[in-house]
Amino acid sequence: MPARRWATTATTQASPGERPRPRSTEKLEKGDLSDPVQIRNPLNLDVHNPDLSERVNANREAAKYRVRAREAETALAETQARLAVLQRAEIERLASACLSHPSDLFTLSGNELASYLTDAGTVDAEKVAADVAAILQERPGLKPSSPAYDRTQGMSGNPSRPTPTFGDLLKS
C-alpha cells in the first residue's frame, strides 16, 4: 500500500501514531501542496456542496458505465475470436470431403476466412466447393487416399460348413 505523501519541508517530526503539525503558525497559501489537506483535496472543492455531490455521483456512475463498456468490449472480442475458430472449423470440415488435408484450402487458395463467408456471416459452402475443385484440378494428388481392400475376400462360391457343436456329439 503506498504511503501517504506528506510534505516534509513544512512539517515537524511526529511520533508514531501522531499526525505531523505545521512548523509555523503561518497560514499556508491557497494551492500550496505542502498542506496535507490540499494534497487530499487539491482543487479546494467544498465537499458539503450539493451540486458537487451530484457531480461526484454522476462521475461515479459514468465511471461504472465505462468499466461495464470495457468489460463488454472484452467479452465481444473473445466471442468474435471463438466464432472465427468455429467458422474456420466448419470450412475445413466441408473441405475434408475432398482434400486429404483440409487446411490446405487456406494455404493453396490464398483466401482468408472472410472470403468464405456470406454477408450474413455464415459459411458459403458453394465457394468452398469451388475452391476445393480448383485446387484438385491443379493438384489431384491432394485427394484423400482410398483404403486398400480386396473385394473378393470372403466371397467364395463354396457354402460354408457348419461347425460341430456339443449337441452334435451327443446325437451320435
Protein backbone atom coordinates (compact mmCIF):
# COMPACT_ATOMS: atom_id res chain seq x y z
CA MET A 1 0.00 0.00 0.00
CA PRO A 2 1.57 3.33 -0.97
CA ALA A 3 2.42 5.61 1.90
CA ARG A 4 0.66 8.93 2.20
CA ARG A 5 2.58 11.79 0.79
CA TRP A 6 3.15 14.41 3.45
CA ALA A 7 5.25 17.42 2.74
CA THR A 8 8.42 17.10 4.80
CA THR A 9 9.62 20.67 4.49
CA ALA A 10 6.64 22.29 6.16
CA THR A 11 6.05 19.78 8.96
CA THR A 12 7.79 18.69 12.13
CA GLN A 13 8.71 15.15 13.02
CA ALA A 14 5.85 13.37 14.73
CA SER A 15 5.95 10.37 16.96
CA PRO A 16 4.36 7.17 15.64
CA GLY A 17 0.58 7.39 15.62
CA GLU A 18 0.60 11.18 15.67
CA ARG A 19 -0.13 13.41 12.68
CA PRO A 20 2.56 15.88 11.57
CA ARG A 21 1.99 19.52 12.53
CA PRO A 22 2.99 22.60 10.55
CA ARG A 23 6.29 24.13 11.74
CA SER A 24 4.98 27.62 11.92
CA THR A 25 1.69 29.18 12.73
CA GLU A 26 1.63 30.98 9.39
CA LYS A 27 -1.36 30.26 7.23
CA LEU A 28 -0.40 28.28 4.12
CA GLU A 29 -1.16 29.83 0.77
CA LYS A 30 -4.18 28.52 -1.10
CA GLY A 31 -2.99 25.86 -3.51
CA ASP A 32 0.15 25.09 -1.50
CA LEU A 33 0.57 21.36 -1.79
CA SER A 34 2.67 21.14 1.33
CA ASP A 35 -0.61 21.25 3.26
CA PRO A 36 -1.92 17.67 3.79
CA VAL A 37 -5.49 18.88 3.32
CA GLN A 38 -4.52 20.35 -0.04
CA ILE A 39 -2.95 17.06 -1.08
CA ARG A 40 -6.20 15.19 -0.39
CA ASN A 41 -8.41 17.94 -1.89
CA PRO A 42 -6.14 19.78 -4.37
CA LEU A 43 -8.98 21.63 -6.12
CA ASN A 44 -10.34 23.13 -2.87
CA LEU A 45 -13.72 21.60 -3.52
CA ASP A 46 -16.43 22.12 -0.97
CA VAL A 47 -17.40 18.56 -0.11
CA HIS A 48 -20.65 19.70 1.53
CA ASN A 49 -21.89 21.42 -1.62
CA PRO A 50 -24.97 19.60 -3.03
CA ASP A 51 -24.02 20.47 -6.63
CA LEU A 52 -20.62 18.94 -6.08
CA SER A 53 -22.07 15.76 -4.62
CA GLU A 54 -24.34 15.45 -7.66
CA ARG A 55 -21.34 15.85 -9.96
CA VAL A 56 -19.35 13.32 -7.95
CA ASN A 57 -22.24 10.85 -8.12
CA ALA A 58 -22.58 11.46 -11.85
CA ASN A 59 -18.84 10.89 -12.30
CA ARG A 60 -19.02 7.67 -10.30
CA GLU A 61 -21.95 6.47 -12.37
CA ALA A 62 -20.13 7.38 -15.59
CA ALA A 63 -17.04 5.50 -14.36
CA LYS A 64 -19.21 2.48 -13.60
CA TYR A 65 -20.60 2.57 -17.15
CA ARG A 66 -17.11 2.95 -18.61
CA VAL A 67 -16.00 -0.15 -16.72
CA ARG A 68 -19.05 -2.07 -17.95
CA ALA A 69 -18.36 -0.89 -21.51
CA ARG A 70 -14.75 -2.11 -21.30
CA GLU A 71 -15.92 -5.47 -19.96
CA ALA A 72 -18.47 -5.73 -22.78
CA GLU A 73 -15.81 -4.90 -25.37
CA THR A 74 -13.54 -7.61 -23.94
CA ALA A 75 -16.36 -10.16 -23.98
CA LEU A 76 -17.21 -9.18 -27.56
CA ALA A 77 -13.61 -9.64 -28.68
CA GLU A 78 -13.46 -13.07 -27.03
CA THR A 79 -16.73 -14.10 -28.66
CA GLN A 80 -15.57 -12.92 -32.08
CA ALA A 81 -12.37 -14.96 -31.70
CA ARG A 82 -14.39 -18.07 -30.79
CA LEU A 83 -16.71 -17.50 -33.74
CA ALA A 84 -13.77 -17.22 -36.13
CA VAL A 85 -12.40 -20.55 -34.84
CA LEU A 86 -15.78 -22.22 -35.32
CA GLN A 87 -16.21 -20.77 -38.82
CA ARG A 88 -12.75 -21.96 -39.83
CA ALA A 89 -13.51 -25.43 -38.46
CA GLU A 90 -16.74 -25.57 -40.48
CA ILE A 91 -14.90 -24.56 -43.67
CA GLU A 92 -12.25 -27.22 -43.04
CA ARG A 93 -14.99 -29.79 -42.36
CA LEU A 94 -16.55 -29.03 -45.74
CA ALA A 95 -13.15 -29.20 -47.45
CA SER A 96 -12.27 -32.51 -45.77
CA ALA A 97 -14.74 -34.33 -48.02
CA CYS A 98 -12.42 -33.77 -51.00
CA LEU A 99 -9.00 -32.80 -49.58
CA SER A 100 -6.73 -35.06 -47.55
CA HIS A 101 -5.56 -32.04 -45.52
CA PRO A 102 -8.41 -29.53 -45.28
CA SER A 103 -6.15 -26.74 -44.02
CA ASP A 104 -4.57 -26.78 -47.50
CA LEU A 105 -7.64 -24.90 -48.69
CA PHE A 106 -6.47 -21.71 -46.94
CA THR A 107 -2.81 -22.27 -47.83
CA LEU A 108 -3.21 -23.07 -51.52
CA SER A 109 -6.16 -20.86 -52.40
CA GLY A 110 -4.63 -17.78 -50.76
CA ASN A 111 -8.03 -16.80 -49.39
CA GLU A 112 -8.77 -15.73 -45.84
CA LEU A 113 -11.66 -16.78 -43.63
CA ALA A 114 -13.77 -13.75 -44.62
CA SER A 115 -13.76 -14.72 -48.30
CA TYR A 116 -15.68 -17.93 -47.49
CA LEU A 117 -18.43 -16.16 -45.52
CA THR A 118 -21.71 -14.75 -46.77
CA ASP A 119 -22.94 -11.27 -45.91
CA ALA A 120 -24.90 -12.78 -43.02
CA GLY A 121 -21.69 -14.33 -41.62
CA THR A 122 -22.48 -17.95 -42.48
CA VAL A 123 -20.14 -20.26 -44.37
CA ASP A 124 -20.67 -20.25 -48.15
CA ALA A 125 -20.47 -23.97 -49.00
CA GLU A 126 -20.53 -23.27 -52.76
CA LYS A 127 -17.47 -21.03 -52.54
CA VAL A 128 -15.64 -23.69 -50.51
CA ALA A 129 -16.57 -26.40 -53.04
CA ALA A 130 -15.48 -24.21 -55.97
CA ASP A 131 -12.07 -23.53 -54.42
CA VAL A 132 -11.60 -27.20 -53.50
CA ALA A 133 -12.40 -28.20 -57.09
CA ALA A 134 -9.90 -25.65 -58.43
CA ILE A 135 -7.19 -26.93 -56.10
CA LEU A 136 -7.86 -30.56 -57.02
CA GLN A 137 -7.75 -29.69 -60.71
CA GLU A 138 -4.25 -28.27 -60.24
CA ARG A 139 -3.06 -30.92 -57.79
CA PRO A 140 -5.05 -34.16 -57.98
CA GLY A 141 -2.67 -35.86 -55.51
CA LEU A 142 -4.30 -33.90 -52.68
CA LYS A 143 -7.41 -36.09 -52.77
CA PRO A 144 -7.86 -38.31 -49.75
CA SER A 145 -6.48 -41.78 -50.35
CA SER A 146 -8.98 -44.59 -50.54
CA PRO A 147 -8.40 -47.57 -48.25
CA ALA A 148 -6.92 -50.66 -49.89
CA TYR A 149 -9.11 -53.73 -49.63
CA ASP A 150 -9.73 -56.94 -51.54
CA ARG A 151 -13.27 -57.07 -52.94
CA THR A 152 -13.12 -60.80 -53.48
CA GLN A 153 -12.22 -61.56 -49.90
CA GLY A 154 -14.96 -63.51 -48.15
CA MET A 155 -16.98 -64.06 -51.34
CA SER A 156 -16.08 -67.66 -52.24
CA GLY A 157 -18.55 -69.84 -54.09
CA ASN A 158 -18.34 -72.72 -51.57
CA PRO A 159 -21.07 -72.84 -48.99
CA SER A 160 -19.69 -72.71 -45.51
CA ARG A 161 -19.59 -75.90 -43.49
CA PRO A 162 -21.38 -75.96 -40.23
CA THR A 163 -19.06 -76.27 -37.29
CA PRO A 164 -19.71 -79.19 -34.99
CA THR A 165 -21.36 -78.38 -31.69
CA PHE A 166 -21.61 -80.22 -28.38
CA GLY A 167 -25.20 -81.21 -29.22
CA ASP A 168 -23.98 -82.96 -32.38
CA LEU A 169 -21.62 -85.03 -30.25
CA LEU A 170 -24.49 -86.25 -28.05
CA LYS A 171 -26.67 -87.17 -31.03
CA SER A 172 -24.12 -89.52 -32.45
